[in-house]
Amino acid sequence: ARDPAFVYAQPADLSGVTVATYGPSAVSKEI
């Protein structure tokens, strides 16, 4: 993340967040 205040601890923390990833890949399938 770029925002210094953002902390990830659980999937619910990504609610309302734009999440970017590379795909197709194992991680993109997960996300």
PDB file of all heavy atoms in Angstrom:
ATOM      1  N   ALA A   1       0.836  -1.198   0.000  1.00  0.00           N
ATOM      2  CA  ALA A   1       0.000   0.000   0.000  1.00  0.00           C
ATOM      3  C   ALA A   1       0.872   1.248   0.000  1.00  0.00           C
ATOM      4  O   ALA A   1       2.058   1.206   0.366  1.00  0.00           O
ATOM      5  CB  ALA A   1      -0.926   0.009   1.214  1.00  0.00           C
ATOM      6  N   ARG A   2       0.264   2.355  -0.400  1.00  0.00           N
ATOM      7  CA  ARG A   2       0.946   3.650  -0.390  1.00  0.00           C
ATOM      8  C   ARG A   2       0.555   4.462   0.843  1.00  0.00           C
ATOM      9  O   ARG A   2       1.359   5.213   1.389  1.00  0.00           O
ATOM     10  CB  ARG A   2       0.578   4.411  -1.668  1.00  0.00           C
ATOM     11  CG  ARG A   2       1.524   5.517  -2.046  1.00  0.00           C
ATOM     12  CD  ARG A   2       1.164   6.091  -3.388  1.00  0.00           C
ATOM     13  NE  ARG A   2      -0.221   6.510  -3.469  1.00  0.00           N
ATOM     14  CZ  ARG A   2      -0.667   7.491  -4.233  1.00  0.00           C
ATOM     15  NH1 ARG A   2       0.182   8.162  -4.982  1.00  0.00           N
ATOM     16  NH2 ARG A   2      -1.940   7.817  -4.265  1.00  0.00           N
ATOM     17  N   ASP A   3      -0.676   4.294   1.287  1.00  0.00           N
ATOM     18  CA  ASP A   3      -1.193   5.022   2.445  1.00  0.00           C
ATOM     19  C   ASP A   3      -0.511   4.498   3.712  1.00  0.00           C
ATOM     20  O   ASP A   3      -0.675   3.331   4.082  1.00  0.00           O
ATOM     21  CB  ASP A   3      -2.704   4.827   2.542  1.00  0.00           C
ATOM     22  CG  ASP A   3      -3.331   5.570   3.720  1.00  0.00           C
ATOM     23  OD1 ASP A   3      -2.575   6.177   4.511  1.00  0.00           O
ATOM     24  OD2 ASP A   3      -4.570   5.526   3.844  1.00  0.00           O
ATOM     25  N   PRO A   4       0.245   5.323   4.432  1.00  0.00           N
ATOM     26  CA  PRO A   4       0.952   4.855   5.635  1.00  0.00           C
ATOM     27  C   PRO A   4       0.018   4.427   6.762  1.00  0.00           C
ATOM     28  O   PRO A   4       0.438   3.706   7.670  1.00  0.00           O
ATOM     29  CB  PRO A   4       1.793   6.064   6.053  1.00  0.00           C
ATOM     30  CG  PRO A   4       1.119   7.239   5.433  1.00  0.00           C
ATOM     31  CD  PRO A   4       0.521   6.753   4.158  1.00  0.00           C
ATOM     32  N   ALA A   5      -1.246   4.846   6.690  1.00  0.00           N
ATOM     33  CA  ALA A   5      -2.192   4.494   7.754  1.00  0.00           C
ATOM     34  C   ALA A   5      -2.897   3.161   7.490  1.00  0.00           C
ATOM     35  O   ALA A   5      -3.527   2.603   8.401  1.00  0.00           O
ATOM     36  CB  ALA A   5      -3.243   5.592   7.905  1.00  0.00           C
ATOM     37  N   PHE A   6      -2.756   2.637   6.259  1.00  0.00           N
ATOM     38  CA  PHE A   6      -3.475   1.401   5.932  1.00  0.00           C
ATOM     39  C   PHE A   6      -2.726   0.183   6.463  1.00  0.00           C
ATOM     40  O   PHE A   6      -1.532   0.014   6.215  1.00  0.00           O
ATOM     41  CB  PHE A   6      -3.665   1.269   4.422  1.00  0.00           C
ATOM     42  CG  PHE A   6      -4.381   0.008   4.019  1.00  0.00           C
ATOM     43  CD1 PHE A   6      -5.751  -0.114   4.185  1.00  0.00           C
ATOM     44  CD2 PHE A   6      -3.686  -1.075   3.493  1.00  0.00           C
ATOM     45  CE1 PHE A   6      -6.421  -1.284   3.823  1.00  0.00           C
ATOM     46  CE2 PHE A   6      -4.337  -2.239   3.127  1.00  0.00           C
ATOM     47  CZ  PHE A   6      -5.710  -2.340   3.304  1.00  0.00           C
ATOM     48  N   VAL A   7      -3.438  -0.661   7.194  1.00  0.00           N
ATOM     49  CA  VAL A   7      -2.873  -1.905   7.727  1.00  0.00           C
ATOM     50  C   VAL A   7      -3.789  -3.051   7.333  1.00  0.00           C
ATOM     51  O   VAL A   7      -5.012  -2.970   7.498  1.00  0.00           O
ATOM     52  CB  VAL A   7      -2.725  -1.847   9.268  1.00  0.00           C
ATOM     53  CG1 VAL A   7      -2.231  -3.191   9.796  1.00  0.00           C
ATOM     54  CG2 VAL A   7      -1.778  -0.732   9.676  1.00  0.00           C
ATOM     55  N   TYR A   8      -3.189  -4.130   6.812  1.00  0.00           N
ATOM     56  CA  TYR A   8      -3.985  -5.312   6.459  1.00  0.00           C
ATOM     57  C   TYR A   8      -3.785  -6.386   7.520  1.00  0.00           C
ATOM     58  O   TYR A   8      -2.653  -6.764   7.832  1.00  0.00           O
ATOM     59  CB  TYR A   8      -3.584  -5.870   5.098  1.00  0.00           C
ATOM     60  CG  TYR A   8      -4.312  -7.156   4.791  1.00  0.00           C
ATOM     61  CD1 TYR A   8      -5.600  -7.136   4.262  1.00  0.00           C
ATOM     62  CD2 TYR A   8      -3.740  -8.399   5.081  1.00  0.00           C
ATOM     63  CE1 TYR A   8      -6.294  -8.308   4.022  1.00  0.00           C
ATOM     64  CE2 TYR A   8      -4.424  -9.576   4.840  1.00  0.00           C
ATOM     65  CZ  TYR A   8      -5.701  -9.528   4.317  1.00  0.00           C
ATOM     66  OH  TYR A   8      -6.387 -10.694   4.086  1.00  0.00           O
ATOM     67  N   ALA A   9      -4.895  -6.882   8.077  1.00  0.00           N
ATOM     68  CA  ALA A   9      -4.838  -7.979   9.042  1.00  0.00           C
ATOM     69  C   ALA A   9      -5.807  -9.094   8.693  1.00  0.00           C
ATOM     70  O   ALA A   9      -5.593 -10.250   9.074  1.00  0.00           O
ATOM     71  CB  ALA A   9      -5.134  -7.458  10.444  1.00  0.00           C
ATOM     72  N   GLN A  10      -6.871  -8.779   7.950  1.00  0.00           N
ATOM     73  CA  GLN A  10      -7.890  -9.765   7.589  1.00  0.00           C
ATOM     74  C   GLN A  10      -8.582  -9.316   6.310  1.00  0.00           C
ATOM     75  O   GLN A  10      -8.529  -8.129   5.947  1.00  0.00           O
ATOM     76  CB  GLN A  10      -8.904  -9.896   8.725  1.00  0.00           C
ATOM     77  CG  GLN A  10      -9.601  -8.598   9.077  1.00  0.00           C
ATOM     78  CD  GLN A  10     -10.493  -8.728  10.283  1.00  0.00           C
ATOM     79  OE1 GLN A  10     -10.810  -9.821  10.729  1.00  0.00           O
ATOM     80  NE2 GLN A  10     -10.930  -7.595  10.833  1.00  0.00           N
ATOM     81  N   PRO A  11      -9.224 -10.247   5.581  1.00  0.00           N
ATOM     82  CA  PRO A  11      -9.875  -9.894   4.313  1.00  0.00           C
ATOM     83  C   PRO A  11     -10.852  -8.725   4.406  1.00  0.00           C
ATOM     84  O   PRO A  11     -10.955  -7.929   3.468  1.00  0.00           O
ATOM     85  CB  PRO A  11     -10.596 -11.196   3.935  1.00  0.00           C
ATOM     86  CG  PRO A  11      -9.756 -12.266   4.527  1.00  0.00           C
ATOM     87  CD  PRO A  11      -9.269 -11.703   5.829  1.00  0.00           C
ATOM     88  N   ALA A  12     -11.550  -8.592   5.550  1.00  0.00           N
ATOM     89  CA  ALA A  12     -12.517  -7.500   5.698  1.00  0.00           C
ATOM     90  C   ALA A  12     -11.852  -6.129   5.579  1.00  0.00           C
ATOM     91  O   ALA A  12     -12.523  -5.138   5.251  1.00  0.00           O
ATOM     92  CB  ALA A  12     -13.235  -7.617   7.037  1.00  0.00           C
ATOM     93  N   ASP A  13     -10.530  -6.067   5.798  1.00  0.00           N
ATOM     94  CA  ASP A  13      -9.817  -4.791   5.692  1.00  0.00           C
ATOM     95  C   ASP A  13      -9.769  -4.278   4.255  1.00  0.00           C
ATOM     96  O   ASP A  13      -9.429  -3.110   4.021  1.00  0.00           O
ATOM     97  CB  ASP A  13      -8.392  -4.927   6.226  1.00  0.00           C
ATOM     98  CG  ASP A  13      -8.358  -5.216   7.717  1.00  0.00           C
ATOM     99  OD1 ASP A  13      -9.299  -4.810   8.423  1.00  0.00           O
ATOM    100  OD2 ASP A  13      -7.392  -5.869   8.172  1.00  0.00           O
ATOM    101  N   LEU A  14     -10.100  -5.149   3.289  1.00  0.00           N
ATOM    102  CA  LEU A  14     -10.066  -4.755   1.883  1.00  0.00           C
ATOM    103  C   LEU A  14     -11.432  -4.281   1.391  1.00  0.00           C
ATOM    104  O   LEU A  14     -11.587  -3.963   0.210  1.00  0.00           O
ATOM    105  CB  LEU A  14      -9.576  -5.925   1.017  1.00  0.00           C
ATOM    106  CG  LEU A  14      -8.143  -6.401   1.299  1.00  0.00           C
ATOM    107  CD1 LEU A  14      -7.807  -7.619   0.465  1.00  0.00           C
ATOM    108  CD2 LEU A  14      -7.134  -5.273   1.032  1.00  0.00           C
ATOM    109  N   SER A  15     -12.404  -4.215   2.264  1.00  0.00           N
ATOM    110  CA  SER A  15     -13.728  -3.709   1.888  1.00  0.00           C
ATOM    111  C   SER A  15     -13.605  -2.242   1.474  1.00  0.00           C
ATOM    112  O   SER A  15     -13.019  -1.422   2.192  1.00  0.00           O
ATOM    113  CB  SER A  15     -14.700  -3.840   3.069  1.00  0.00           C
ATOM    114  OG  SER A  15     -15.971  -3.331   2.715  1.00  0.00           O
ATOM    115  N   GLY A  16     -14.129  -1.926   0.303  1.00  0.00           N
ATOM    116  CA  GLY A  16     -14.058  -0.570  -0.214  1.00  0.00           C
ATOM    117  C   GLY A  16     -12.728  -0.197  -0.835  1.00  0.00           C
ATOM    118  O   GLY A  16     -12.521   0.953  -1.223  1.00  0.00           O
ATOM    119  N   VAL A  17     -11.816  -1.172  -0.952  1.00  0.00           N
ATOM    120  CA  VAL A  17     -10.471  -0.923  -1.466  1.00  0.00           C
ATOM    121  C   VAL A  17     -10.344  -1.410  -2.907  1.00  0.00           C
ATOM    122  O   VAL A  17     -10.887  -2.451  -3.264  1.00  0.00           O
ATOM    123  CB  VAL A  17      -9.409  -1.620  -0.579  1.00  0.00           C
ATOM    124  CG1 VAL A  17      -8.004  -1.426  -1.136  1.00  0.00           C
ATOM    125  CG2 VAL A  17      -9.494  -1.101   0.854  1.00  0.00           C
ATOM    126  N   THR A  18      -9.627  -0.659  -3.735  1.00  0.00           N
ATOM    127  CA  THR A  18      -9.250  -1.135  -5.070  1.00  0.00           C
ATOM    128  C   THR A  18      -8.000  -1.988  -4.911  1.00  0.00           C
ATOM    129  O   THR A  18      -6.957  -1.497  -4.454  1.00  0.00           O
ATOM    130  CB  THR A  18      -8.947   0.033  -6.018  1.00  0.00           C
ATOM    131  OG1 THR A  18     -10.099   0.875  -6.122  1.00  0.00           O
ATOM    132  CG2 THR A  18      -8.577  -0.481  -7.403  1.00  0.00           C
ATOM    133  N   VAL A  19      -8.105  -3.270  -5.259  1.00  0.00           N
ATOM    134  CA  VAL A  19      -6.987  -4.201  -5.089  1.00  0.00           C
ATOM    135  C   VAL A  19      -6.466  -4.607  -6.464  1.00  0.00           C
ATOM    136  O   VAL A  19      -7.210  -5.157  -7.283  1.00  0.00           O
ATOM    137  CB  VAL A  19      -7.414  -5.447  -4.294  1.00  0.00           C
ATOM    138  CG1 VAL A  19      -6.227  -6.400  -4.144  1.00  0.00           C
ATOM    139  CG2 VAL A  19      -7.940  -5.052  -2.925  1.00  0.00           C
ATOM    140  N   ALA A  20      -5.203  -4.327  -6.717  1.00  0.00           N
ATOM    141  CA  ALA A  20      -4.579  -4.666  -7.994  1.00  0.00           C
ATOM    142  C   ALA A  20      -3.678  -5.884  -7.826  1.00  0.00           C
ATOM    143  O   ALA A  20      -3.042  -6.068  -6.791  1.00  0.00           O
ATOM    144  CB  ALA A  20      -3.758  -3.486  -8.507  1.00  0.00           C
ATOM    145  N   THR A  21      -3.651  -6.720  -8.855  1.00  0.00           N
ATOM    146  CA  THR A  21      -2.786  -7.891  -8.844  1.00  0.00           C
ATOM    147  C   THR A  21      -2.457  -8.278 -10.276  1.00  0.00           C
ATOM    148  O   THR A  21      -3.032  -7.739 -11.230  1.00  0.00           O
ATOM    149  CB  THR A  21      -3.445  -9.062  -8.092  1.00  0.00           C
ATOM    150  OG1 THR A  21      -2.477 -10.102  -7.890  1.00  0.00           O
ATOM    151  CG2 THR A  21      -4.626  -9.629  -8.864  1.00  0.00           C
ATOM    152  N   TYR A  22      -1.533  -9.199 -10.416  1.00  0.00           N
ATOM    153  CA  TYR A  22      -1.106  -9.669 -11.735  1.00  0.00           C
ATOM    154  C   TYR A  22      -1.791 -10.984 -12.057  1.00  0.00           C
ATOM    155  O   TYR A  22      -1.928 -11.861 -11.202  1.00  0.00           O
ATOM    156  CB  TYR A  22       0.424  -9.830 -11.737  1.00  0.00           C
ATOM    157  CG  TYR A  22       0.947 -10.884 -12.674  1.00  0.00           C
ATOM    158  CD1 TYR A  22       0.826 -10.728 -14.051  1.00  0.00           C
ATOM    159  CD2 TYR A  22       1.575 -12.033 -12.199  1.00  0.00           C
ATOM    160  CE1 TYR A  22       1.316 -11.694 -14.916  1.00  0.00           C
ATOM    161  CE2 TYR A  22       2.068 -12.998 -13.050  1.00  0.00           C
ATOM    162  CZ  TYR A  22       1.938 -12.823 -14.415  1.00  0.00           C
ATOM    163  OH  TYR A  22       2.415 -13.781 -15.258  1.00  0.00           O
ATOM    164  N   GLY A  23      -2.235 -11.139 -13.311  1.00  0.00           N
ATOM    165  CA  GLY A  23      -2.887 -12.383 -13.674  1.00  0.00           C
ATOM    166  C   GLY A  23      -2.854 -12.642 -15.173  1.00  0.00           C
ATOM    167  O   GLY A  23      -2.502 -11.761 -15.955  1.00  0.00           O
ATOM    168  N   PRO A  24      -3.176 -13.873 -15.574  1.00  0.00           N
ATOM    169  CA  PRO A  24      -3.644 -14.939 -14.681  1.00  0.00           C
ATOM    170  C   PRO A  24      -2.499 -15.525 -13.857  1.00  0.00           C
ATOM    171  O   PRO A  24      -1.405 -15.733 -14.356  1.00  0.00           O
ATOM    172  CB  PRO A  24      -4.201 -15.981 -15.652  1.00  0.00           C
ATOM    173  CG  PRO A  24      -3.421 -15.779 -16.918  1.00  0.00           C
ATOM    174  CD  PRO A  24      -3.135 -14.312 -16.997  1.00  0.00           C
ATOM    175  N   SER A  25      -2.778 -15.780 -12.607  1.00  0.00           N
ATOM    176  CA  SER A  25      -1.782 -16.323 -11.692  1.00  0.00           C
ATOM    177  C   SER A  25      -2.499 -16.924 -10.501  1.00  0.00           C
ATOM    178  O   SER A  25      -3.711 -16.754 -10.337  1.00  0.00           O
ATOM    179  CB  SER A  25      -0.828 -15.215 -11.226  1.00  0.00           C
ATOM    180  OG  SER A  25      -1.541 -14.255 -10.470  1.00  0.00           O
ATOM    181  N   ALA A  26      -1.736 -17.613  -9.648  1.00  0.00           N
ATOM    182  CA  ALA A  26      -2.328 -18.205  -8.449  1.00  0.00           C
ATOM    183  C   ALA A  26      -2.889 -17.126  -7.540  1.00  0.00           C
ATOM    184  O   ALA A  26      -3.974 -17.270  -6.972  1.00  0.00           O
ATOM    185  CB  ALA A  26      -1.282 -19.035  -7.707  1.00  0.00           C
ATOM    186  N   VAL A  27      -2.154 -16.005  -7.419  1.00  0.00           N
ATOM    187  CA  VAL A  27      -2.625 -14.952  -6.531  1.00  0.00           C
ATOM    188  C   VAL A  27      -3.842 -14.240  -7.108  1.00  0.00           C
ATOM    189  O   VAL A  27      -4.764 -13.870  -6.374  1.00  0.00           O
ATOM    190  CB  VAL A  27      -1.494 -13.944  -6.199  1.00  0.00           C
ATOM    191  CG1 VAL A  27      -1.073 -13.164  -7.425  1.00  0.00           C
ATOM    192  CG2 VAL A  27      -1.928 -13.001  -5.085  1.00  0.00           C
ATOM    193  N   SER A  28      -3.910 -14.066  -8.428  1.00  0.00           N
ATOM    194  CA  SER A  28      -5.080 -13.408  -9.007  1.00  0.00           C
ATOM    195  C   SER A  28      -6.334 -14.254  -8.816  1.00  0.00           C
ATOM    196  O   SER A  28      -7.421 -13.724  -8.581  1.00  0.00           O
ATOM    197  CB  SER A  28      -4.867 -13.106 -10.495  1.00  0.00           C
ATOM    198  OG  SER A  28      -4.844 -14.277 -11.277  1.00  0.00           O
ATOM    199  N   LYS A  29      -6.182 -15.580  -8.880  1.00  0.00           N
ATOM    200  CA  LYS A  29      -7.332 -16.459  -8.629  1.00  0.00           C
ATOM    201  C   LYS A  29      -7.794 -16.314  -7.180  1.00  0.00           C
ATOM    202  O   LYS A  29      -8.992 -16.261  -6.898  1.00  0.00           O
ATOM    203  CB  LYS A  29      -6.977 -17.911  -8.930  1.00  0.00           C
ATOM    204  CG  LYS A  29      -8.177 -18.849  -8.835  1.00  0.00           C
ATOM    205  CD  LYS A  29      -7.803 -20.273  -9.164  1.00  0.00           C
ATOM    206  CE  LYS A  29      -9.035 -21.167  -9.214  1.00  0.00           C
ATOM    207  NZ  LYS A  29      -9.894 -21.089  -8.033  1.00  0.00           N
ATOM    208  N   GLU A  30      -6.828 -16.246  -6.278  1.00  0.00           N
ATOM    209  CA  GLU A  30      -7.159 -16.060  -4.856  1.00  0.00           C
ATOM    210  C   GLU A  30      -7.945 -14.760  -4.652  1.00  0.00           C
ATOM    211  O   GLU A  30      -8.961 -14.731  -3.953  1.00  0.00           O
ATOM    212  CB  GLU A  30      -5.872 -15.993  -4.028  1.00  0.00           C
ATOM    213  CG  GLU A  30      -5.124 -17.304  -3.928  1.00  0.00           C
ATOM    214  CD  GLU A  30      -5.414 -18.028  -2.624  1.00  0.00           C
ATOM    215  OE1 GLU A  30      -6.089 -17.444  -1.755  1.00  0.00           O
ATOM    216  OE2 GLU A  30      -4.954 -19.172  -2.493  1.00  0.00           O
ATOM    217  N   ILE A  31      -7.467 -13.687  -5.263  1.00  0.00           N
ATOM    218  CA  ILE A  31      -8.082 -12.383  -5.053  1.00  0.00           C
ATOM    219  C   ILE A  31      -9.432 -12.284  -5.767  1.00  0.00           C
ATOM    220  O   ILE A  31     -10.360 -11.627  -5.274  1.00  0.00           O
ATOM    221  CB  ILE A  31      -7.127 -11.254  -5.497  1.00  0.00           C
ATOM    222  CG1 ILE A  31      -5.793 -11.369  -4.736  1.00  0.00           C
ATOM    223  CG2 ILE A  31      -7.742  -9.888  -5.233  1.00  0.00           C
ATOM    224  CD1 ILE A  31      -5.945 -11.397  -3.228  1.00  0.00           C
TER     225      ILE A  31
END
